[in-house]
Protein backbone atom coordinates (compact mmCIF):
# COMPACT_ATOMS: atom_id res chain seq x y z
CA UNK A 1 38.47 -13.17 -10.93
CA UNK A 2 39.90 -9.71 -10.24
CA UNK A 3 39.48 -8.21 -6.79
CA UNK A 4 36.58 -5.70 -7.00
CA UNK A 5 38.04 -3.40 -4.33
CA UNK A 6 40.37 -0.83 -5.85
CA UNK A 7 41.16 1.18 -2.69
CA UNK A 8 40.10 1.55 0.95
CA UNK A 9 40.56 4.76 2.93
CA UNK A 10 39.41 5.87 6.40
CA UNK A 11 36.52 8.32 6.42
CA UNK A 12 37.59 11.92 6.97
CA UNK A 13 35.68 15.21 7.07
CA UNK A 14 34.51 15.85 4.45
CA UNK A 15 34.44 12.55 2.60
CA UNK A 16 36.56 12.43 -0.53
CA UNK A 17 34.59 11.62 -3.67
CA UNK A 18 35.43 10.67 -7.26
CA UNK A 19 34.53 12.73 -10.34
CA UNK A 20 31.70 13.70 -11.08
CA UNK A 21 31.23 14.39 -7.34
CA UNK A 22 33.24 17.04 -5.50
CA UNK A 23 32.83 15.89 -1.89
CA UNK A 24 30.27 14.69 0.65
CA UNK A 25 29.78 16.02 4.18
CA UNK A 26 28.14 13.80 6.80
CA UNK A 27 26.74 16.03 9.55
CA UNK A 28 25.82 14.32 12.84
CA UNK A 29 24.94 16.52 15.81
CA UNK A 30 23.19 15.47 19.03
CA UNK A 31 21.47 18.82 19.64
CA UNK A 32 19.62 19.27 22.95
CA UNK A 33 16.08 20.55 23.38
CA UNK A 34 15.36 23.86 21.65
CA UNK A 35 14.71 27.24 23.20
CA UNK A 36 12.14 29.89 22.26
CA UNK A 37 14.37 31.03 19.35
CA UNK A 38 14.77 27.48 17.91
CA UNK A 39 18.38 27.42 19.08
CA UNK A 40 19.85 25.06 21.70
CA UNK A 41 18.51 25.39 25.24
CA UNK A 42 22.06 25.27 26.52
CA UNK A 43 24.91 27.64 27.19
CA UNK A 44 26.92 28.73 24.15
CA UNK A 45 29.83 29.87 26.31
CA UNK A 46 33.19 28.70 25.10
CA UNK A 47 32.08 28.29 21.49
CA UNK A 48 33.67 30.15 18.61
CA UNK A 49 30.33 31.39 17.35
CA UNK A 50 30.31 31.99 13.63
CA UNK A 51 33.08 29.40 13.17
CA UNK A 52 32.05 26.60 15.52
CA UNK A 53 33.09 23.37 13.77
CA UNK A 54 34.54 21.59 16.80
CA UNK A 55 32.32 19.02 18.48
CA UNK A 56 31.48 20.18 22.03
CA UNK A 57 28.86 18.34 24.07
CA UNK A 58 28.11 16.33 20.93
CA UNK A 59 27.14 19.20 18.63
CA UNK A 60 28.31 22.24 16.67
CA UNK A 61 26.82 25.64 15.83
CA UNK A 62 28.71 25.85 12.50
CA UNK A 63 28.29 29.46 11.27
CA UNK A 64 25.13 30.07 13.30
CA UNK A 65 25.02 32.43 16.27
CA UNK A 66 21.50 31.61 17.57
CA UNK A 67 20.29 28.67 15.46
CA UNK A 68 22.86 26.13 14.24
CA UNK A 69 23.57 26.09 10.54
CA UNK A 70 24.88 28.12 7.65
CA UNK A 71 23.55 31.69 7.14
CA UNK A 72 23.47 33.15 3.63
CA UNK A 73 26.41 32.21 1.40
CA UNK A 74 26.89 32.00 -2.39
CA UNK A 75 27.52 29.13 -4.82
CA UNK A 76 28.29 28.85 -8.52
CA UNK A 77 29.13 26.04 -10.93
CA UNK A 78 27.79 22.87 -9.25
CA UNK A 79 24.84 21.30 -7.42
CA UNK A 80 24.10 20.39 -3.82
CA UNK A 81 22.10 17.30 -2.93
CA UNK A 82 21.02 17.32 0.73
CA UNK A 83 19.65 14.07 2.21
CA UNK A 84 18.15 14.45 5.69
CA UNK A 85 18.13 11.42 7.99
CA UNK A 86 17.20 13.09 11.28
CA UNK A 87 16.23 16.64 12.19
CA UNK A 88 15.10 19.57 10.05
CA UNK A 89 16.59 22.08 7.61
CA UNK A 90 15.18 25.54 6.90
CA UNK A 91 16.22 26.71 3.43
CA UNK A 92 15.98 30.23 1.98
CA UNK A 93 17.62 31.55 -1.18
CA UNK A 94 18.18 34.56 -3.41
CA UNK A 95 15.63 33.25 -5.92
CA UNK A 96 12.91 33.78 -3.32
CA UNK A 97 12.45 30.06 -2.68
CA UNK A 98 12.17 28.76 0.87
CA UNK A 99 11.43 25.43 2.54
CA UNK A 100 11.49 23.27 5.63
CA UNK A 101 12.36 19.61 5.06
CA UNK A 102 13.09 16.71 7.36
CA UNK A 103 13.78 12.98 7.74
CA UNK A 104 13.76 11.14 4.41
CA UNK A 105 13.45 14.34 2.35
CA UNK A 106 15.98 15.40 -0.28
CA UNK A 107 16.71 18.89 -1.57
CA UNK A 108 18.39 19.22 -4.95
CA UNK A 109 19.75 22.69 -5.71
CA UNK A 110 21.43 23.61 -8.98
CA UNK A 111 23.58 26.64 -8.21
CA UNK A 112 24.47 27.12 -11.89
CA UNK A 113 25.30 30.74 -12.70
CA UNK A 114 24.89 31.74 -9.08
CA UNK A 115 22.63 31.47 -6.06
CA UNK A 116 22.83 32.61 -2.44
CA UNK A 117 21.16 30.41 0.15
CA UNK A 118 21.00 29.69 3.85
CA UNK A 119 20.72 26.30 5.53
CA UNK A 120 19.65 26.51 9.17
CA UNK A 121 18.91 23.64 11.55
CA UNK A 122 15.92 24.68 13.71
CA UNK A 123 15.60 22.81 17.00
CA UNK A 124 11.84 22.52 16.98
CA UNK A 125 11.41 20.14 19.94
CA UNK A 126 11.37 21.98 23.29
CA UNK A 127 10.95 18.88 25.45
CA UNK A 128 13.20 16.36 23.66
CA UNK A 129 16.60 16.19 21.95
CA UNK A 130 16.89 17.46 18.36
CA UNK A 131 19.30 15.03 16.72
CA UNK A 132 20.44 16.19 13.27
CA UNK A 133 21.95 13.87 10.68
CA UNK A 134 22.29 14.59 6.99
CA UNK A 135 24.46 14.11 3.93
CA UNK A 136 25.29 17.04 1.69
CA UNK A 137 26.78 15.94 -1.61
CA UNK A 138 28.37 18.37 -4.05
CA UNK A 139 27.82 17.17 -7.63
CA UNK A 140 29.82 18.96 -10.30
CA UNK A 141 28.40 20.50 -13.46
CA UNK A 142 30.17 20.26 -16.84
CA UNK A 143 31.55 23.47 -18.29
CA UNK A 144 28.62 23.94 -20.68
CA UNK A 145 26.17 23.92 -17.76
CA UNK A 146 28.11 25.81 -15.09
CA UNK A 147 26.21 29.01 -15.92
CA UNK A 148 22.81 27.34 -16.22
CA UNK A 149 19.88 29.10 -14.52
CA UNK A 150 19.68 28.17 -10.82
CA UNK A 151 17.02 25.62 -9.91
CA UNK A 152 15.53 24.49 -6.59
CA UNK A 153 13.58 21.26 -6.15
CA UNK A 154 12.37 18.99 -3.36
CA UNK A 155 12.07 15.21 -3.28
CA UNK A 156 9.75 14.45 -0.36
CA UNK A 157 10.26 11.24 1.58
CA UNK A 158 7.08 9.63 0.21
CA UNK A 159 8.33 10.25 -3.36
CA UNK A 160 11.78 8.73 -2.85
CA UNK A 161 11.55 5.01 -3.76
CA UNK A 162 13.07 2.07 -1.90
CA UNK A 163 14.24 -1.23 -3.37
CA UNK A 164 14.01 -4.09 -0.87
CA UNK A 165 15.83 -7.40 -1.04
CA UNK A 166 15.52 -10.43 1.26
CA UNK A 167 18.29 -13.03 1.42
CA UNK A 168 17.89 -16.76 1.95
CA UNK A 169 17.88 -16.34 5.73
CA UNK A 170 15.10 -13.72 5.64
CA UNK A 171 17.41 -10.78 6.32
CA UNK A 172 16.61 -7.52 4.56
CA UNK A 173 18.60 -5.00 2.56
CA UNK A 174 16.85 -1.67 1.89
CA UNK A 175 18.18 0.71 -0.79
CA UNK A 176 16.88 4.29 -0.90
CA UNK A 177 17.16 5.66 -4.44
CA UNK A 178 17.93 9.39 -4.59
CA UNK A 179 19.34 9.10 -8.13
CA UNK A 180 19.68 6.10 -10.40
CA UNK A 181 17.30 3.18 -10.90
CA UNK A 182 17.44 -0.27 -9.31
CA UNK A 183 15.21 -3.34 -9.53
CA UNK A 184 12.66 -1.47 -11.65
CA UNK A 185 12.42 1.44 -9.19
CA UNK A 186 13.30 4.96 -10.32
CA UNK A 187 13.34 8.20 -8.28
CA UNK A 188 11.86 11.51 -9.47
CA UNK A 189 14.02 13.10 -12.18
CA UNK A 190 16.86 15.42 -11.16
CA UNK A 191 16.98 19.04 -12.38
CA UNK A 192 17.14 19.32 -16.15
CA UNK A 193 20.70 20.68 -16.35
CA UNK A 194 22.13 18.22 -13.83
CA UNK A 195 24.84 15.79 -14.89
CA UNK A 196 22.54 13.17 -13.36
CA UNK A 197 19.78 14.08 -15.85
CA UNK A 198 21.79 12.88 -18.84
CA UNK A 199 20.92 9.36 -19.98
CA UNK A 200 24.53 8.26 -20.42
CA UNK A 201 26.11 9.35 -17.10
CA UNK A 202 24.84 6.48 -14.89
CA UNK A 203 24.72 8.68 -11.79
CA UNK A 204 23.54 6.82 -8.69
CA UNK A 205 23.08 8.09 -5.15
CA UNK A 206 21.88 5.21 -2.98
CA UNK A 207 21.51 4.89 0.78
CA UNK A 208 21.91 1.22 1.72
CA UNK A 209 20.78 -0.33 5.01
CA UNK A 210 21.44 -4.00 5.78
CA UNK A 211 20.15 -6.10 8.65
CA UNK A 212 22.80 -7.75 10.81
CA UNK A 213 24.37 -10.63 8.83
CA UNK A 214 22.28 -9.75 5.74
CA UNK A 215 23.75 -10.67 2.34
CA UNK A 216 23.13 -8.77 -0.90
CA UNK A 217 24.87 -8.45 -4.25
CA UNK A 218 25.43 -4.90 -5.47
CA UNK A 219 24.87 -5.02 -9.25
CA UNK A 220 27.42 -3.59 -11.65
CA UNK A 221 27.02 -0.14 -13.20
CA UNK A 222 25.48 0.13 -16.66
CA UNK A 223 28.00 2.55 -18.21
CA UNK A 224 31.48 1.10 -18.83
CA UNK A 225 33.19 4.36 -17.80
CA UNK A 226 31.29 4.78 -14.51
CA UNK A 227 33.21 5.00 -11.23
CA UNK A 228 31.75 4.17 -7.83
CA UNK A 229 32.60 4.60 -4.18
CA UNK A 230 30.92 2.93 -1.23
CA UNK A 231 30.99 4.74 2.13
CA UNK A 232 30.61 2.33 5.06
CA UNK A 233 29.66 4.62 7.96
CA UNK A 234 27.53 2.61 10.40
CA UNK A 235 27.94 -0.90 11.77
CA UNK A 236 30.69 -3.02 13.29
CA UNK A 237 31.94 -4.72 10.12
CA UNK A 238 31.21 -5.31 6.45
CA UNK A 239 32.42 -8.04 4.11
CA UNK A 240 32.96 -6.78 0.57
CA UNK A 241 33.53 -9.78 -1.73
CA UNK A 242 36.42 -11.61 -0.01
CA UNK A 243 37.59 -8.62 2.06
CA UNK A 244 36.58 -7.95 5.67
CA UNK A 245 36.22 -4.22 6.41
CA UNK A 246 36.35 -3.71 10.18
CA UNK A 247 36.42 0.08 10.29
CA UNK A 248 34.30 2.78 8.69
CA UNK A 249 35.82 3.52 5.31
CA UNK A 250 35.49 4.86 1.78
CA UNK A 251 35.76 1.86 -0.53
CA UNK A 252 36.53 2.41 -4.21
CA UNK A 253 34.96 -0.38 -6.24
CA UNK A 254 35.30 -1.71 -9.76
CA UNK A 255 32.00 -0.45 -11.16
CA UNK A 256 31.95 -3.10 -13.88
CA UNK A 257 31.66 -5.96 -11.36
CA UNK A 258 28.83 -7.32 -9.26
CA UNK A 259 30.00 -7.18 -5.63
CA UNK A 260 28.71 -9.30 -2.75
CA UNK A 261 28.11 -7.46 0.54
CA UNK A 262 27.58 -9.13 3.92
CA UNK A 263 26.80 -7.12 7.03
CA UNK A 264 28.54 -7.80 10.33
CA UNK A 265 27.02 -8.56 13.71
CA UNK A 266 25.09 -5.29 13.74
CA UNK A 267 22.97 -3.42 11.22
CA UNK A 268 25.13 -1.73 8.58
CA UNK A 269 24.61 1.42 6.55
CA UNK A 270 26.41 2.70 3.48
CA UNK A 271 26.17 5.53 0.95
CA UNK A 272 26.92 4.70 -2.68
CA UNK A 273 28.04 7.41 -5.11
CA UNK A 274 28.47 6.47 -8.75
CA UNK A 275 28.70 8.18 -12.11
CA UNK A 276 30.56 8.67 -15.34
CA UNK A 277 33.32 11.25 -14.76
CA UNK A 278 32.91 14.69 -16.30
CA UNK A 279 36.67 14.60 -16.94
CA UNK A 280 37.20 18.36 -17.05
CA UNK A 281 39.55 20.58 -15.02
CA UNK A 282 38.22 21.51 -11.59
CA UNK A 283 39.21 24.81 -9.99
CA UNK A 284 37.56 25.51 -6.65
CA UNK A 285 37.68 28.64 -4.55
CA UNK A 286 35.45 28.28 -1.50
CA UNK A 287 31.84 28.13 -2.72
CA UNK A 288 32.70 28.48 -6.43
CA UNK A 289 33.66 25.53 -8.66
CA UNK A 290 34.67 26.30 -12.24
CA UNK A 291 37.05 25.00 -14.90
CA UNK A 292 39.65 27.78 -14.89
CA UNK A 293 41.13 30.35 -12.55
CA UNK A 294 39.82 33.11 -14.82
CA UNK A 295 36.29 31.77 -14.37
CA UNK A 296 36.74 31.79 -10.60
CA UNK A 297 37.86 35.40 -10.72
CA UNK A 298 34.80 36.24 -12.82
CA UNK A 299 32.55 34.46 -10.29
CA UNK A 300 33.99 36.59 -7.49
CA UNK A 301 33.50 39.79 -9.49
CA UNK A 302 29.96 38.83 -10.47
CA UNK A 303 29.03 38.05 -6.88
CA UNK A 304 30.50 41.32 -5.62
CA UNK A 305 28.61 43.22 -8.34
CA UNK A 306 25.23 41.48 -8.31
CA UNK A 307 25.06 39.43 -5.10
CA UNK A 308 23.54 36.81 -7.46
CA UNK A 309 20.21 38.60 -7.35
CA UNK A 310 20.40 39.97 -3.83
CA UNK A 311 19.10 38.64 -0.54
CA UNK A 312 15.32 39.09 -0.18
CA UNK A 313 15.06 38.00 3.46
CA UNK A 314 15.22 40.31 6.52
CA UNK A 315 17.87 38.16 8.25
CA UNK A 316 20.97 36.30 7.10
CA UNK A 317 19.81 33.20 9.02
CA UNK A 318 16.03 33.00 8.55
CA UNK A 319 14.05 30.17 10.16
CA UNK A 320 10.37 29.37 10.05
CA UNK A 321 7.87 29.18 12.89
CA UNK A 322 8.15 26.16 15.13
CA UNK A 323 4.88 24.66 13.85
CA UNK A 324 5.39 25.54 10.17
CA UNK A 325 5.58 21.89 9.12
CA UNK A 326 7.35 20.68 6.00
CA UNK A 327 6.78 22.74 2.87
CA UNK A 328 8.47 24.39 -0.08
CA UNK A 329 7.66 27.74 -1.64
CA UNK A 330 9.04 27.95 -5.15
CA UNK A 331 10.23 31.05 -6.97
CA UNK A 332 6.88 31.34 -8.78
CA UNK A 333 5.07 31.49 -5.42
CA UNK A 334 3.72 27.95 -5.68
CA UNK A 335 3.44 26.21 -2.30
CA UNK A 336 4.30 22.52 -2.23
CA UNK A 337 3.77 20.15 0.69
CA UNK A 338 4.42 16.45 1.10
CA UNK A 339 1.48 14.10 0.70
CA UNK A 340 1.95 12.92 4.26
CA UNK A 341 3.42 14.93 7.12
CA UNK A 342 4.95 13.34 10.17
CA UNK A 343 2.63 12.42 13.04
C-alpha cells in the first residue's frame, strides 16, 4: 500500500496551503488584562506601533495603536474564514456590517469585488488575562466569482457541528466542522458564491482534537481531484499511518486514502484543509488576489477611486463597548445574536 504522506514541512508564519486555499495564519497572543480603552494594561514602550508583528512579552499589537488588531484595510478576489478559539474579534466593514464574535464562532467574509474591513481584538477582561487564539484562512475565488458582491456571515459556536468518535480504549476524537460534512453532520452552508458552496469541490475545514493516545481513521475525500493538508500544531507527537511526527508540521496527505491517526502522550490538535483545486493563475498584491496583473492594477485603481464603498465608521479601528456581548449587525440592519451567550 502506498505511503499516504506526500510531504512534511515545518510550520511557518503564515502556514502554506494548497490550492484552493491561499494561506492560513494562526494567531496566538497572551494578552494581559485590558485597560479602560480595551487595549493592554501594560506599557507599549519599545513597540513598533502600527507594524508590531514581533512577539514581545508574549503578544503583538499588529497594526493597532491602542487596541491590538488590524484597522481598516481592503480586500478583493477571495474569502476570509476566521475561526476563533480564544478571545474576541470586533469586525466592522464598508458594507455597514459589524459584529463581535468569540470562542467557537466563525466569520465567513466574501470580499468579492471589494470590501474594506477592520478586525480588532478588544481586551474585555480588566481583571484577568485576555488570551487570543484564532485561525484566519484565505480561500480563493475562481475567476468568474472574483467580482461577486461582497457577503458577510456568521457561524455561531452553537451552530457549528461536532463529530465525535471513541476508540476501543474509550479515548475521544472531536472534529469541529466549519465546512464539509462528516459522519452525517453538516455545518451551515457557506456564502453562495464561495468555492466551498459548489457541490463538486469537496472543500473541508475541520478542527481535530484527539485525547492523548487516541486513535482515529481520517476518511478519504469524496472527490478524486481533492487535495488535503493536515496541520499538526498542538501536542507532543502524532502518528500518521506508519510515520511518527515529532514536531509541529504541515503534512500533505493523499486525499484518496483513509489515514490512521494516533495521538502522542498529550492531547493533540490539528487543522485539516481540503478541496478540489481551482487550477487558475494566482496573482497577489497585498490584499488583492486576482488571475492577472492587469486585474490587480484595476483593483488598485478601483480602490483608489471608490474606496470600495467608503468607510462609514468614525474611526479606522472601531471597537464595541466592553459589555456589548456577541452579536452581528448585517448590512440590512438586521441584528443577529447567538442562541446562547457565554456565562
